[in-house]
Every structure is written in structure tokens, then in C-alpha cells.
Amino acid sequence: MFAKQTSGLDSGAVRTLAEAAISTGQAKLEQLKVTDELEGNTKASGNNLRKMQKAESKARTDYERIRTASLDKVTKITEEIDHTKRDDLYLDMLNAVTGGRWR
């Protein structure tokens, strides 16, 4: 779990990991948009794009909560994220940066 593996890290380090996860999610979203445009995909890709946008939104919300929280709240938020059921796409965004710590 991410919260256990980041205990002992300062809030800046946890925030950096979360910020990098958001950047990764944004890059994946842009890549999906470009792929859709190049391939001229229709309904199926539209559904994938919506899923990616939803996962990005969740990750962004969690990052904002971490970014603005005090140190004692950062640990609580990361534990909450660990215990909340998140879809694979959201976790993949975070795992790309954290080396699988969110699983």
C-alpha cells in the first residue's frame, strides 16, 4: 500500500509523487486523444476517452487534497485512497510513477 510505503517521507515527497502521477495521467490522456484522432476511431474510443478523463479527474482531485493538506492529513488521505475502491485506470496512472506502490 502506498500509505505504508510512504510513511516516513515528508509531505513534500508524497506531494511530488502525486504531482508526477497527475502529469503521467495528463500525458496518457493526450496520447489517447492523438491516437483517436489519427485512427479516426468512433464510439469505442470515445468511451475509452471518457474513462481516461474520469480517472484523470479522480487523480487530480486526490492530488489537490494531498497538495493542500497538512503533514498529518497527508498520511490520512493516502490511507483513504488505499482503502477506496479505485478503477484500474486510475491506479495505472499512479503506478506509472510510484513503481506499483498503489496496488
PDB file of N, CA and C in Angstrom:
ATOM      1  N   MET A   1       0.824  -1.188   0.000  1.00  0.00           N
ATOM      2  CA  MET A   1       0.000   0.000   0.000  1.00  0.00           C
ATOM      3  C   MET A   1       0.872   1.257   0.000  1.00  0.00           C
ATOM      4  N   PHE A   2       0.445   2.229  -0.745  1.00  0.00           N
ATOM      5  CA  PHE A   2       1.193   3.472  -0.893  1.00  0.00           C
ATOM      6  C   PHE A   2       1.386   4.168   0.450  1.00  0.00           C
ATOM      7  N   ALA A   3       0.342   4.230   1.249  1.00  0.00           N
ATOM      8  CA  ALA A   3       0.434   4.948   2.522  1.00  0.00           C
ATOM      9  C   ALA A   3       1.497   4.337   3.426  1.00  0.00           C
ATOM     10  N   LYS A   4       1.570   3.009   3.465  1.00  0.00           N
ATOM     11  CA  LYS A   4       2.573   2.353   4.302  1.00  0.00           C
ATOM     12  C   LYS A   4       3.972   2.597   3.756  1.00  0.00           C
ATOM     13  N   GLN A   5       4.130   2.555   2.440  1.00  0.00           N
ATOM     14  CA  GLN A   5       5.450   2.715   1.848  1.00  0.00           C
ATOM     15  C   GLN A   5       5.931   4.156   1.864  1.00  0.00           C
ATOM     16  N   THR A   6       5.019   5.082   2.017  1.00  0.00           N
ATOM     17  CA  THR A   6       5.434   6.483   2.068  1.00  0.00           C
ATOM     18  C   THR A   6       5.479   7.016   3.492  1.00  0.00           C
ATOM     19  N   SER A   7       5.105   6.188   4.475  1.00  0.00           N
ATOM     20  CA  SER A   7       5.212   6.677   5.847  1.00  0.00           C
ATOM     21  C   SER A   7       6.690   6.923   6.116  1.00  0.00           C
ATOM     22  N   GLY A   8       6.974   8.002   6.747  1.00  0.00           N
ATOM     23  CA  GLY A   8       8.357   8.387   6.960  1.00  0.00           C
ATOM     24  C   GLY A   8       8.848   9.398   5.939  1.00  0.00           C
ATOM     25  N   LEU A   9       8.178   9.468   4.799  1.00  0.00           N
ATOM     26  CA  LEU A   9       8.517  10.503   3.821  1.00  0.00           C
ATOM     27  C   LEU A   9       7.870  11.803   4.259  1.00  0.00           C
ATOM     28  N   ASP A  10       8.504  12.901   3.953  1.00  0.00           N
ATOM     29  CA  ASP A  10       7.869  14.166   4.288  1.00  0.00           C
ATOM     30  C   ASP A  10       6.744  14.450   3.293  1.00  0.00           C
ATOM     31  N   SER A  11       5.901  15.389   3.644  1.00  0.00           N
ATOM     32  CA  SER A  11       4.744  15.684   2.800  1.00  0.00           C
ATOM     33  C   SER A  11       5.168  16.152   1.416  1.00  0.00           C
ATOM     34  N   GLY A  12       6.318  16.788   1.307  1.00  0.00           N
ATOM     35  CA  GLY A  12       6.807  17.236   0.000  1.00  0.00           C
ATOM     36  C   GLY A  12       7.070  16.066  -0.925  1.00  0.00           C
ATOM     37  N   ALA A  13       7.642  14.991  -0.392  1.00  0.00           N
ATOM     38  CA  ALA A  13       7.924  13.808  -1.214  1.00  0.00           C
ATOM     39  C   ALA A  13       6.629  13.150  -1.667  1.00  0.00           C
ATOM     40  N   VAL A  14       5.669  13.044  -0.770  1.00  0.00           N
ATOM     41  CA  VAL A  14       4.381  12.452  -1.135  1.00  0.00           C
ATOM     42  C   VAL A  14       3.689  13.322  -2.177  1.00  0.00           C
ATOM     43  N   ARG A  15       3.742  14.625  -1.990  1.00  0.00           N
ATOM     44  CA  ARG A  15       3.134  15.535  -2.962  1.00  0.00           C
ATOM     45  C   ARG A  15       3.813  15.418  -4.322  1.00  0.00           C
ATOM     46  N   THR A  16       5.132  15.268  -4.325  1.00  0.00           N
ATOM     47  CA  THR A  16       5.867  15.117  -5.583  1.00  0.00           C
ATOM     48  C   THR A  16       5.414  13.866  -6.315  1.00  0.00           C
ATOM     49  N   LEU A  17       5.245  12.765  -5.590  1.00  0.00           N
ATOM     50  CA  LEU A  17       4.758  11.534  -6.214  1.00  0.00           C
ATOM     51  C   LEU A  17       3.363  11.733  -6.794  1.00  0.00           C
ATOM     52  N   ALA A  18       2.497  12.380  -6.036  1.00  0.00           N
ATOM     53  CA  ALA A  18       1.137  12.608  -6.522  1.00  0.00           C
ATOM     54  C   ALA A  18       1.139  13.534  -7.734  1.00  0.00           C
ATOM     55  N   GLU A  19       1.966  14.570  -7.701  1.00  0.00           N
ATOM     56  CA  GLU A  19       2.044  15.501  -8.827  1.00  0.00           C
ATOM     57  C   GLU A  19       2.558  14.798 -10.085  1.00  0.00           C
ATOM     58  N   ALA A  20       3.539  13.935  -9.915  1.00  0.00           N
ATOM     59  CA  ALA A  20       4.068  13.183 -11.057  1.00  0.00           C
ATOM     60  C   ALA A  20       3.008  12.246 -11.616  1.00  0.00           C
ATOM     61  N   ALA A  21       2.192  11.671 -10.745  1.00  0.00           N
ATOM     62  CA  ALA A  21       1.116  10.794 -11.212  1.00  0.00           C
ATOM     63  C   ALA A  21       0.112  11.570 -12.054  1.00  0.00           C
ATOM     64  N   ILE A  22      -0.192  12.786 -11.644  1.00  0.00           N
ATOM     65  CA  ILE A  22      -1.108  13.624 -12.420  1.00  0.00           C
ATOM     66  C   ILE A  22      -0.500  13.931 -13.782  1.00  0.00           C
ATOM     67  N   SER A  23       0.777  14.278 -13.808  1.00  0.00           N
ATOM     68  CA  SER A  23       1.437  14.561 -15.088  1.00  0.00           C
ATOM     69  C   SER A  23       1.393  13.350 -16.006  1.00  0.00           C
ATOM     70  N   THR A  24       1.622  12.172 -15.431  1.00  0.00           N
ATOM     71  CA  THR A  24       1.557  10.943 -16.221  1.00  0.00           C
ATOM     72  C   THR A  24       0.153  10.739 -16.766  1.00  0.00           C
ATOM     73  N   GLY A  25      -0.846  10.977 -15.929  1.00  0.00           N
ATOM     74  CA  GLY A  25      -2.233  10.839 -16.371  1.00  0.00           C
ATOM     75  C   GLY A  25      -2.567  11.801 -17.491  1.00  0.00           C
ATOM     76  N   GLN A  26      -2.090  13.031 -17.383  1.00  0.00           N
ATOM     77  CA  GLN A  26      -2.336  14.010 -18.435  1.00  0.00           C
ATOM     78  C   GLN A  26      -1.660  13.592 -19.730  1.00  0.00           C
ATOM     79  N   ALA A  27      -0.457  13.051 -19.638  1.00  0.00           N
ATOM     80  CA  ALA A  27       0.252  12.595 -20.836  1.00  0.00           C
ATOM     81  C   ALA A  27      -0.484  11.433 -21.491  1.00  0.00           C
ATOM     82  N   LYS A  28      -0.997  10.506 -20.666  1.00  0.00           N
ATOM     83  CA  LYS A  28      -1.755   9.383 -21.219  1.00  0.00           C
ATOM     84  C   LYS A  28      -3.033   9.874 -21.894  1.00  0.00           C
ATOM     85  N   LEU A  29      -3.681  10.849 -21.281  1.00  0.00           N
ATOM     86  CA  LEU A  29      -4.900  11.402 -21.858  1.00  0.00           C
ATOM     87  C   LEU A  29      -4.609  12.044 -23.205  1.00  0.00           C
ATOM     88  N   GLU A  30      -3.556  12.834 -23.286  1.00  0.00           N
ATOM     89  CA  GLU A  30      -3.183  13.465 -24.554  1.00  0.00           C
ATOM     90  C   GLU A  30      -2.824  12.421 -25.603  1.00  0.00           C
ATOM     91  N   GLN A  31      -2.121  11.378 -25.198  1.00  0.00           N
ATOM     92  CA  GLN A  31      -1.751  10.311 -26.126  1.00  0.00           C
ATOM     93  C   GLN A  31      -3.004   9.633 -26.667  1.00  0.00           C
ATOM     94  N   LEU A  32      -3.974   9.388 -25.798  1.00  0.00           N
ATOM     95  CA  LEU A  32      -5.219   8.760 -26.229  1.00  0.00           C
ATOM     96  C   LEU A  32      -5.968   9.659 -27.204  1.00  0.00           C
ATOM     97  N   LYS A  33      -5.996  10.957 -26.934  1.00  0.00           N
ATOM     98  CA  LYS A  33      -6.666  11.894 -27.840  1.00  0.00           C
ATOM     99  C   LYS A  33      -6.013  11.883 -29.219  1.00  0.00           C
ATOM    100  N   VAL A  34      -4.688  11.922 -29.261  1.00  0.00           N
ATOM    101  CA  VAL A  34      -3.968  11.925 -30.534  1.00  0.00           C
ATOM    102  C   VAL A  34      -4.210  10.625 -31.281  1.00  0.00           C
ATOM    103  N   THR A  35      -4.141   9.501 -30.566  1.00  0.00           N
ATOM    104  CA  THR A  35      -4.375   8.198 -31.194  1.00  0.00           C
ATOM    105  C   THR A  35      -5.772   8.142 -31.791  1.00  0.00           C
ATOM    106  N   ASP A  36      -6.756   8.614 -31.052  1.00  0.00           N
ATOM    107  CA  ASP A  36      -8.132   8.619 -31.552  1.00  0.00           C
ATOM    108  C   ASP A  36      -8.255   9.455 -32.815  1.00  0.00           C
ATOM    109  N   GLU A  37      -7.636  10.618 -32.812  1.00  0.00           N
ATOM    110  CA  GLU A  37      -7.714  11.489 -33.981  1.00  0.00           C
ATOM    111  C   GLU A  37      -7.024  10.865 -35.187  1.00  0.00           C
ATOM    112  N   LEU A  38      -5.859  10.268 -34.978  1.00  0.00           N
ATOM    113  CA  LEU A  38      -5.109   9.670 -36.081  1.00  0.00           C
ATOM    114  C   LEU A  38      -5.823   8.457 -36.661  1.00  0.00           C
ATOM    115  N   GLU A  39      -6.418   7.665 -35.800  1.00  0.00           N
ATOM    116  CA  GLU A  39      -7.065   6.445 -36.261  1.00  0.00           C
ATOM    117  C   GLU A  39      -8.515   6.674 -36.665  1.00  0.00           C
ATOM    118  N   GLY A  40      -9.041   7.835 -36.386  1.00  0.00           N
ATOM    119  CA  GLY A  40     -10.428   8.122 -36.731  1.00  0.00           C
ATOM    120  C   GLY A  40     -11.402   7.218 -35.993  1.00  0.00           C
ATOM    121  N   ASN A  41     -11.039   6.842 -34.782  1.00  0.00           N
ATOM    122  CA  ASN A  41     -11.893   5.945 -34.002  1.00  0.00           C
ATOM    123  C   ASN A  41     -13.205   6.629 -33.658  1.00  0.00           C
ATOM    124  N   THR A  42     -14.228   5.806 -33.434  1.00  0.00           N
ATOM    125  CA  THR A  42     -15.556   6.353 -33.170  1.00  0.00           C
ATOM    126  C   THR A  42     -16.011   6.057 -31.749  1.00  0.00           C
ATOM    127  N   LYS A  43     -17.112   5.366 -31.606  1.00  0.00           N
ATOM    128  CA  LYS A  43     -17.756   5.196 -30.314  1.00  0.00           C
ATOM    129  C   LYS A  43     -16.867   4.511 -29.270  1.00  0.00           C
ATOM    130  N   ALA A  44     -16.196   3.439 -29.639  1.00  0.00           N
ATOM    131  CA  ALA A  44     -15.372   2.708 -28.668  1.00  0.00           C
ATOM    132  C   ALA A  44     -14.277   3.600 -28.093  1.00  0.00           C
ATOM    133  N   SER A  45     -13.619   4.361 -28.943  1.00  0.00           N
ATOM    134  CA  SER A  45     -12.556   5.229 -28.445  1.00  0.00           C
ATOM    135  C   SER A  45     -13.128   6.371 -27.620  1.00  0.00           C
ATOM    136  N   GLY A  46     -14.328   6.815 -27.965  1.00  0.00           N
ATOM    137  CA  GLY A  46     -14.978   7.848 -27.163  1.00  0.00           C
ATOM    138  C   GLY A  46     -15.226   7.372 -25.742  1.00  0.00           C
ATOM    139  N   ASN A  47     -15.635   6.111 -25.620  1.00  0.00           N
ATOM    140  CA  ASN A  47     -15.837   5.537 -24.287  1.00  0.00           C
ATOM    141  C   ASN A  47     -14.517   5.460 -23.534  1.00  0.00           C
ATOM    142  N   ASN A  48     -13.460   5.042 -24.228  1.00  0.00           N
ATOM    143  CA  ASN A  48     -12.144   4.972 -23.592  1.00  0.00           C
ATOM    144  C   ASN A  48     -11.679   6.353 -23.155  1.00  0.00           C
ATOM    145  N   LEU A  49     -11.923   7.341 -23.977  1.00  0.00           N
ATOM    146  CA  LEU A  49     -11.526   8.704 -23.646  1.00  0.00           C
ATOM    147  C   LEU A  49     -12.268   9.192 -22.404  1.00  0.00           C
ATOM    148  N   ARG A  50     -13.560   8.912 -22.327  1.00  0.00           N
ATOM    149  CA  ARG A  50     -14.330   9.316 -21.146  1.00  0.00           C
ATOM    150  C   ARG A  50     -13.809   8.620 -19.886  1.00  0.00           C
ATOM    151  N   LYS A  51     -13.456   7.335 -20.013  1.00  0.00           N
ATOM    152  CA  LYS A  51     -12.903   6.618 -18.858  1.00  0.00           C
ATOM    153  C   LYS A  51     -11.589   7.250 -18.417  1.00  0.00           C
ATOM    154  N   MET A  52     -10.757   7.592 -19.382  1.00  0.00           N
ATOM    155  CA  MET A  52      -9.468   8.210 -19.070  1.00  0.00           C
ATOM    156  C   MET A  52      -9.688   9.570 -18.398  1.00  0.00           C
ATOM    157  N   GLN A  53     -10.628  10.345 -18.895  1.00  0.00           N
ATOM    158  CA  GLN A  53     -10.902  11.653 -18.309  1.00  0.00           C
ATOM    159  C   GLN A  53     -11.421  11.513 -16.879  1.00  0.00           C
ATOM    160  N   LYS A  54     -12.265  10.519 -16.651  1.00  0.00           N
ATOM    161  CA  LYS A  54     -12.801  10.298 -15.311  1.00  0.00           C
ATOM    162  C   LYS A  54     -11.683   9.899 -14.345  1.00  0.00           C
ATOM    163  N   ALA A  55     -10.808   8.998 -14.788  1.00  0.00           N
ATOM    164  CA  ALA A  55      -9.685   8.578 -13.945  1.00  0.00           C
ATOM    165  C   ALA A  55      -8.750   9.751 -13.672  1.00  0.00           C
ATOM    166  N   GLU A  56      -8.510  10.571 -14.690  1.00  0.00           N
ATOM    167  CA  GLU A  56      -7.656  11.744 -14.506  1.00  0.00           C
ATOM    168  C   GLU A  56      -8.282  12.702 -13.497  1.00  0.00           C
ATOM    169  N   SER A  57      -9.590  12.876 -13.583  1.00  0.00           N
ATOM    170  CA  SER A  57     -10.281  13.769 -12.663  1.00  0.00           C
ATOM    171  C   SER A  57     -10.152  13.282 -11.220  1.00  0.00           C
ATOM    172  N   LYS A  58     -10.320  11.979 -11.010  1.00  0.00           N
ATOM    173  CA  LYS A  58     -10.168  11.416  -9.666  1.00  0.00           C
ATOM    174  C   LYS A  58      -8.749  11.644  -9.150  1.00  0.00           C
ATOM    175  N   ALA A  59      -7.777  11.352 -10.007  1.00  0.00           N
ATOM    176  CA  ALA A  59      -6.383  11.512  -9.596  1.00  0.00           C
ATOM    177  C   ALA A  59      -6.072  12.974  -9.290  1.00  0.00           C
ATOM    178  N   ARG A  60      -6.581  13.887 -10.105  1.00  0.00           N
ATOM    179  CA  ARG A  60      -6.356  15.318  -9.881  1.00  0.00           C
ATOM    180  C   ARG A  60      -6.980  15.763  -8.554  1.00  0.00           C
ATOM    181  N   THR A  61      -8.186  15.298  -8.268  1.00  0.00           N
ATOM    182  CA  THR A  61      -8.851  15.650  -7.019  1.00  0.00           C
ATOM    183  C   THR A  61      -8.043  15.162  -5.824  1.00  0.00           C
ATOM    184  N   ASP A  62      -7.586  13.918  -5.898  1.00  0.00           N
ATOM    185  CA  ASP A  62      -6.784  13.377  -4.800  1.00  0.00           C
ATOM    186  C   ASP A  62      -5.476  14.140  -4.652  1.00  0.00           C
ATOM    187  N   TYR A  63      -4.865  14.495  -5.767  1.00  0.00           N
ATOM    188  CA  TYR A  63      -3.623  15.272  -5.696  1.00  0.00           C
ATOM    189  C   TYR A  63      -3.870  16.614  -5.014  1.00  0.00           C
ATOM    190  N   GLU A  64      -4.944  17.291  -5.374  1.00  0.00           N
ATOM    191  CA  GLU A  64      -5.237  18.595  -4.766  1.00  0.00           C
ATOM    192  C   GLU A  64      -5.446  18.454  -3.265  1.00  0.00           C
ATOM    193  N   ARG A  65      -6.109  17.376  -2.869  1.00  0.00           N
ATOM    194  CA  ARG A  65      -6.302  17.135  -1.438  1.00  0.00           C
ATOM    195  C   ARG A  65      -4.955  16.941  -0.744  1.00  0.00           C
ATOM    196  N   ILE A  66      -4.049  16.187  -1.372  1.00  0.00           N
ATOM    197  CA  ILE A  66      -2.730  15.952  -0.784  1.00  0.00           C
ATOM    198  C   ILE A  66      -1.914  17.241  -0.775  1.00  0.00           C
ATOM    199  N   ARG A  67      -1.969  17.982  -1.881  1.00  0.00           N
ATOM    200  CA  ARG A  67      -1.158  19.192  -2.027  1.00  0.00           C
ATOM    201  C   ARG A  67      -1.495  20.240  -0.978  1.00  0.00           C
ATOM    202  N   THR A  68      -2.757  20.332  -0.620  1.00  0.00           N
ATOM    203  CA  THR A  68      -3.188  21.387   0.294  1.00  0.00           C
ATOM    204  C   THR A  68      -3.291  20.926   1.748  1.00  0.00           C
ATOM    205  N   ALA A  69      -3.008  19.660   2.000  1.00  0.00           N
ATOM    206  CA  ALA A  69      -3.174  19.120   3.350  1.00  0.00           C
ATOM    207  C   ALA A  69      -1.928  19.354   4.202  1.00  0.00           C
ATOM    208  N   SER A  70      -2.157  19.368   5.499  1.00  0.00           N
ATOM    209  CA  SER A  70      -1.026  19.406   6.425  1.00  0.00           C
ATOM    210  C   SER A  70      -0.406  18.010   6.480  1.00  0.00           C
ATOM    211  N   LEU A  71       0.786  17.909   7.037  1.00  0.00           N
ATOM    212  CA  LEU A  71       1.528  16.646   7.046  1.00  0.00           C
ATOM    213  C   LEU A  71       0.722  15.506   7.670  1.00  0.00           C
ATOM    214  N   ASP A  72       0.069  15.759   8.815  1.00  0.00           N
ATOM    215  CA  ASP A  72      -0.691  14.686   9.454  1.00  0.00           C
ATOM    216  C   ASP A  72      -1.889  14.260   8.609  1.00  0.00           C
ATOM    217  N   LYS A  73      -2.438  15.168   7.837  1.00  0.00           N
ATOM    218  CA  LYS A  73      -3.574  14.826   6.977  1.00  0.00           C
ATOM    219  C   LYS A  73      -3.133  14.083   5.716  1.00  0.00           C
ATOM    220  N   VAL A  74      -1.898  14.306   5.242  1.00  0.00           N
ATOM    221  CA  VAL A  74      -1.414  13.637   4.035  1.00  0.00           C
ATOM    222  C   VAL A  74      -1.452  12.126   4.220  1.00  0.00           C
ATOM    223  N   THR A  75      -0.972  11.652   5.361  1.00  0.00           N
ATOM    224  CA  THR A  75      -0.984  10.213   5.634  1.00  0.00           C
ATOM    225  C   THR A  75      -2.411   9.692   5.662  1.00  0.00           C
ATOM    226  N   LYS A  76      -3.309  10.431   6.285  1.00  0.00           N
ATOM    227  CA  LYS A  76      -4.711  10.012   6.350  1.00  0.00           C
ATOM    228  C   LYS A  76      -5.316   9.930   4.942  1.00  0.00           C
ATOM    229  N   ILE A  77      -5.025  10.897   4.102  1.00  0.00           N
ATOM    230  CA  ILE A  77      -5.562  10.909   2.737  1.00  0.00           C
ATOM    231  C   ILE A  77      -5.016   9.734   1.934  1.00  0.00           C
ATOM    232  N   THR A  78      -3.702   9.469   2.037  1.00  0.00           N
ATOM    233  CA  THR A  78      -3.140   8.351   1.273  1.00  0.00           C
ATOM    234  C   THR A  78      -3.708   7.019   1.752  1.00  0.00           C
ATOM    235  N   GLU A  79      -3.954   6.888   3.050  1.00  0.00           N
ATOM    236  CA  GLU A  79      -4.590   5.669   3.557  1.00  0.00           C
ATOM    237  C   GLU A  79      -6.009   5.549   3.016  1.00  0.00           C
ATOM    238  N   GLU A  80      -6.722   6.660   2.961  1.00  0.00           N
ATOM    239  CA  GLU A  80      -8.078   6.661   2.418  1.00  0.00           C
ATOM    240  C   GLU A  80      -8.076   6.233   0.950  1.00  0.00           C
ATOM    241  N   ILE A  81      -7.128   6.737   0.183  1.00  0.00           N
ATOM    242  CA  ILE A  81      -7.013   6.354  -1.226  1.00  0.00           C
ATOM    243  C   ILE A  81      -6.756   4.855  -1.329  1.00  0.00           C
ATOM    244  N   ASP A  82      -5.892   4.335  -0.455  1.00  0.00           N
ATOM    245  CA  ASP A  82      -5.585   2.906  -0.461  1.00  0.00           C
ATOM    246  C   ASP A  82      -6.821   2.056  -0.184  1.00  0.00           C
ATOM    247  N   HIS A  83      -7.693   2.539   0.698  1.00  0.00           N
ATOM    248  CA  HIS A  83      -8.856   1.750   1.088  1.00  0.00           C
ATOM    249  C   HIS A  83     -10.080   1.996   0.213  1.00  0.00           C
ATOM    250  N   THR A  84     -10.015   2.980  -0.632  1.00  0.00           N
ATOM    251  CA  THR A  84     -11.124   3.278  -1.530  1.00  0.00           C
ATOM    252  C   THR A  84     -10.977   2.430  -2.778  1.00  0.00           C
ATOM    253  N   LYS A  85     -12.071   1.921  -3.256  1.00  0.00           N
ATOM    254  CA  LYS A  85     -12.004   1.141  -4.491  1.00  0.00           C
ATOM    255  C   LYS A  85     -11.803   2.100  -5.657  1.00  0.00           C
ATOM    256  N   ARG A  86     -10.662   1.987  -6.288  1.00  0.00           N
ATOM    257  CA  ARG A  86     -10.344   2.803  -7.460  1.00  0.00           C
ATOM    258  C   ARG A  86     -10.244   1.882  -8.659  1.00  0.00           C
ATOM    259  N   ASP A  87     -10.625   2.369  -9.813  1.00  0.00           N
ATOM    260  CA  ASP A  87     -10.538   1.527 -11.006  1.00  0.00           C
ATOM    261  C   ASP A  87      -9.085   1.363 -11.454  1.00  0.00           C
ATOM    262  N   ASP A  88      -8.861   0.362 -12.285  1.00  0.00           N
ATOM    263  CA  ASP A  88      -7.501   0.031 -12.716  1.00  0.00           C
ATOM    264  C   ASP A  88      -6.835   1.182 -13.454  1.00  0.00           C
ATOM    265  N   LEU A  89      -7.592   1.930 -14.224  1.00  0.00           N
ATOM    266  CA  LEU A  89      -7.016   3.033 -14.985  1.00  0.00           C
ATOM    267  C   LEU A  89      -6.424   4.084 -14.047  1.00  0.00           C
ATOM    268  N   TYR A  90      -7.165   4.426 -13.011  1.00  0.00           N
ATOM    269  CA  TYR A  90      -6.678   5.386 -12.013  1.00  0.00           C
ATOM    270  C   TYR A  90      -5.400   4.869 -11.365  1.00  0.00           C
ATOM    271  N   LEU A  91      -5.431   3.608 -10.949  1.00  0.00           N
ATOM    272  CA  LEU A  91      -4.257   3.028 -10.304  1.00  0.00           C
ATOM    273  C   LEU A  91      -3.078   2.947 -11.257  1.00  0.00           C
ATOM    274  N   ASP A  92      -3.341   2.658 -12.515  1.00  0.00           N
ATOM    275  CA  ASP A  92      -2.267   2.612 -13.504  1.00  0.00           C
ATOM    276  C   ASP A  92      -1.574   3.965 -13.626  1.00  0.00           C
ATOM    277  N   MET A  93      -2.344   5.040 -13.550  1.00  0.00           N
ATOM    278  CA  MET A  93      -1.749   6.380 -13.610  1.00  0.00           C
ATOM    279  C   MET A  93      -0.768   6.578 -12.458  1.00  0.00           C
ATOM    280  N   LEU A  94      -1.196   6.189 -11.280  1.00  0.00           N
ATOM    281  CA  LEU A  94      -0.344   6.370 -10.111  1.00  0.00           C
ATOM    282  C   LEU A  94       0.829   5.390 -10.119  1.00  0.00           C
ATOM    283  N   ASN A  95       0.579   4.169 -10.561  1.00  0.00           N
ATOM    284  CA  ASN A  95       1.642   3.158 -10.592  1.00  0.00           C
ATOM    285  C   ASN A  95       2.746   3.501 -11.572  1.00  0.00           C
ATOM    286  N   ALA A  96       2.426   4.202 -12.624  1.00  0.00           N
ATOM    287  CA  ALA A  96       3.438   4.564 -13.617  1.00  0.00           C
ATOM    288  C   ALA A  96       4.560   5.375 -12.980  1.00  0.00           C
ATOM    289  N   VAL A  97       4.233   6.104 -11.947  1.00  0.00           N
ATOM    290  CA  VAL A  97       5.217   6.969 -11.305  1.00  0.00           C
ATOM    291  C   VAL A  97       5.757   6.367 -10.012  1.00  0.00           C
ATOM    292  N   THR A  98       4.920   5.678  -9.287  1.00  0.00           N
ATOM    293  CA  THR A  98       5.307   5.225  -7.953  1.00  0.00           C
ATOM    294  C   THR A  98       5.857   3.810  -7.926  1.00  0.00           C
ATOM    295  N   GLY A  99       6.045   3.192  -9.066  1.00  0.00           N
ATOM    296  CA  GLY A  99       6.609   1.845  -9.098  1.00  0.00           C
ATOM    297  C   GLY A  99       5.706   0.786  -8.492  1.00  0.00           C
ATOM    298  N   GLY A 100       4.409   0.952  -8.630  1.00  0.00           N
ATOM    299  CA  GLY A 100       3.462  -0.056  -8.160  1.00  0.00           C
ATOM    300  C   GLY A 100       3.066   0.065  -6.706  1.00  0.00           C
ATOM    301  N   ARG A 101       3.435   1.139  -6.060  1.00  0.00           N
ATOM    302  CA  ARG A 101       3.151   1.281  -4.625  1.00  0.00           C
ATOM    303  C   ARG A 101       1.668   1.418  -4.312  1.00  0.00           C
ATOM    304  N   TRP A 102       0.857   1.786  -5.286  1.00  0.00           N
ATOM    305  CA  TRP A 102      -0.563   1.998  -5.007  1.00  0.00           C
ATOM    306  C   TRP A 102      -1.368   0.707  -5.056  1.00  0.00           C
ATOM    307  N   ARG A 103      -0.784  -0.385  -5.445  1.00  0.00           N
ATOM    308  CA  ARG A 103      -1.541  -1.650  -5.532  1.00  0.00           C
ATOM    309  C   ARG A 103      -1.483  -2.377  -4.220  1.00  0.00           C
TER     310      ARG A 103
END
